[in-house]
Amino acid sequence: MGATSLAVLVLAVLPSLSIPGNPDDKLLHIAVFAVLALLAAGAFPQIRLRSLWIWLVGFAAAIEMIQLLMQQGREADWNDLMVGMSAAAVALFLVHLIRRATAAASS
């Protein structure tokens, strides 16, 4: 989880890279924050999902703030923050549903 977060941070603050196929920026944010949410939920099952979501929102906000301050080929976009927050929320909600179904099945 820590290595993935560090990789995301580094890639988010480096000058923009040319990605094959030129995927949509918002789709990348959805994928990154959904994966981070799933990894966090798996790595820290004892931590409440709401707390993980708050951590991920803070991480997304920190990335946007760093991009705003650096002004090195990246632009802060608060829509990116909203997309990241939403993707993390959806992923963690799915984890919640799976955990609930698993608990009900084992009862």
Protein backbone atom coordinates (compact mmCIF):
# COMPACT_ATOMS: atom_id res chain seq x y z
CA MET A 1 0.00 0.00 0.00
CA GLY A 2 2.77 2.44 0.94
CA ALA A 3 4.79 1.72 -2.19
CA THR A 4 1.73 2.13 -4.38
CA SER A 5 0.85 5.44 -2.72
CA LEU A 6 4.41 6.67 -3.18
CA ALA A 7 4.37 5.66 -6.85
CA VAL A 8 1.06 7.48 -7.36
CA LEU A 9 2.41 10.60 -5.66
CA VAL A 10 5.61 10.62 -7.72
CA LEU A 11 3.75 10.07 -10.99
CA ALA A 12 1.20 12.75 -10.08
CA VAL A 13 3.79 15.44 -9.47
CA LEU A 14 6.28 14.66 -12.24
CA PRO A 15 5.85 16.64 -15.43
CA SER A 16 3.11 15.14 -17.56
CA LEU A 17 4.09 11.92 -19.29
CA SER A 18 2.89 10.77 -22.67
CA ILE A 19 0.76 7.70 -22.00
CA PRO A 20 0.08 5.36 -24.93
CA GLY A 21 -3.46 5.73 -26.21
CA ASN A 22 -3.75 9.11 -24.42
CA PRO A 23 -6.36 7.95 -21.86
CA ASP A 24 -8.72 10.48 -20.36
CA ASP A 25 -7.31 12.18 -17.25
CA LYS A 26 -10.47 11.58 -15.24
CA LEU A 27 -10.48 7.86 -16.10
CA LEU A 28 -6.93 7.63 -14.75
CA HIS A 29 -8.04 9.26 -11.50
CA ILE A 30 -10.96 6.84 -11.23
CA ALA A 31 -8.69 3.85 -11.76
CA VAL A 32 -5.96 5.07 -9.39
CA PHE A 33 -8.24 5.94 -6.49
CA ALA A 34 -10.41 2.85 -6.88
CA VAL A 35 -7.29 0.68 -6.77
CA LEU A 36 -5.86 2.61 -3.81
CA ALA A 37 -9.15 2.20 -1.95
CA LEU A 38 -9.25 -1.55 -2.60
CA LEU A 39 -5.62 -1.96 -1.57
CA ALA A 40 -6.17 0.07 1.60
CA ALA A 41 -9.26 -1.94 2.54
CA GLY A 42 -7.35 -5.18 2.01
CA ALA A 43 -4.20 -4.01 3.78
CA PHE A 44 -6.00 -2.51 6.77
CA PRO A 45 -9.18 -4.55 7.37
CA GLN A 46 -9.34 -3.41 11.00
CA ILE A 47 -9.66 0.27 10.04
CA ARG A 48 -13.15 1.59 9.38
CA LEU A 49 -13.87 2.17 5.71
CA ARG A 50 -14.94 5.75 6.44
CA SER A 51 -11.50 6.42 7.93
CA LEU A 52 -9.81 4.96 4.86
CA TRP A 53 -11.96 7.19 2.66
CA ILE A 54 -10.97 10.27 4.66
CA TRP A 55 -7.30 9.31 4.28
CA LEU A 56 -7.75 8.90 0.51
CA VAL A 57 -9.53 12.26 0.23
CA GLY A 58 -6.63 13.86 2.08
CA PHE A 59 -4.16 12.14 -0.23
CA ALA A 60 -6.03 13.33 -3.33
CA ALA A 61 -6.18 16.88 -1.93
CA ALA A 62 -2.46 16.79 -1.12
CA ILE A 63 -1.66 15.78 -4.69
CA GLU A 64 -3.69 18.68 -6.05
CA MET A 65 -2.06 21.12 -3.60
CA ILE A 66 1.43 19.92 -4.57
CA GLN A 67 0.56 20.32 -8.25
CA LEU A 68 -0.73 23.82 -7.53
CA LEU A 69 2.45 24.82 -5.69
CA MET A 70 4.95 23.18 -8.04
CA GLN A 71 3.68 24.53 -11.34
CA GLN A 72 6.02 22.14 -13.16
CA GLY A 73 4.03 20.83 -16.09
CA ARG A 74 1.04 19.82 -13.96
CA GLU A 75 -2.09 21.75 -13.17
CA ALA A 76 -4.18 21.40 -10.05
CA ASP A 77 -7.74 20.52 -10.97
CA TRP A 78 -10.30 20.31 -8.20
CA ASN A 79 -12.45 18.14 -10.47
CA ASP A 80 -9.66 15.56 -10.18
CA LEU A 81 -10.13 15.68 -6.42
CA MET A 82 -13.87 15.11 -6.79
CA VAL A 83 -13.34 12.23 -9.19
CA GLY A 84 -10.80 10.62 -6.85
CA MET A 85 -13.11 11.04 -3.86
CA SER A 86 -16.01 9.50 -5.77
CA ALA A 87 -14.00 6.55 -7.09
CA ALA A 88 -12.68 5.79 -3.61
CA ALA A 89 -16.19 6.04 -2.15
CA VAL A 90 -17.64 3.63 -4.72
CA ALA A 91 -14.81 1.13 -4.27
CA LEU A 92 -15.10 1.23 -0.47
CA PHE A 93 -18.88 0.89 -0.67
CA LEU A 94 -18.39 -2.27 -2.74
CA VAL A 95 -15.97 -3.55 -0.09
CA HIS A 96 -18.64 -2.81 2.53
CA LEU A 97 -21.24 -4.80 0.58
CA ILE A 98 -18.87 -7.73 0.09
CA ARG A 99 -17.91 -7.77 3.78
CA ARG A 100 -21.57 -7.65 4.77
CA ALA A 101 -22.50 -10.47 2.40
CA THR A 102 -19.57 -12.56 3.60
CA ALA A 103 -20.54 -12.01 7.24
CA ALA A 104 -24.16 -12.94 6.51
CA ALA A 105 -23.12 -16.07 4.63
CA SER A 106 -20.91 -17.26 7.49
CA SER A 107 -23.66 -16.74 10.09
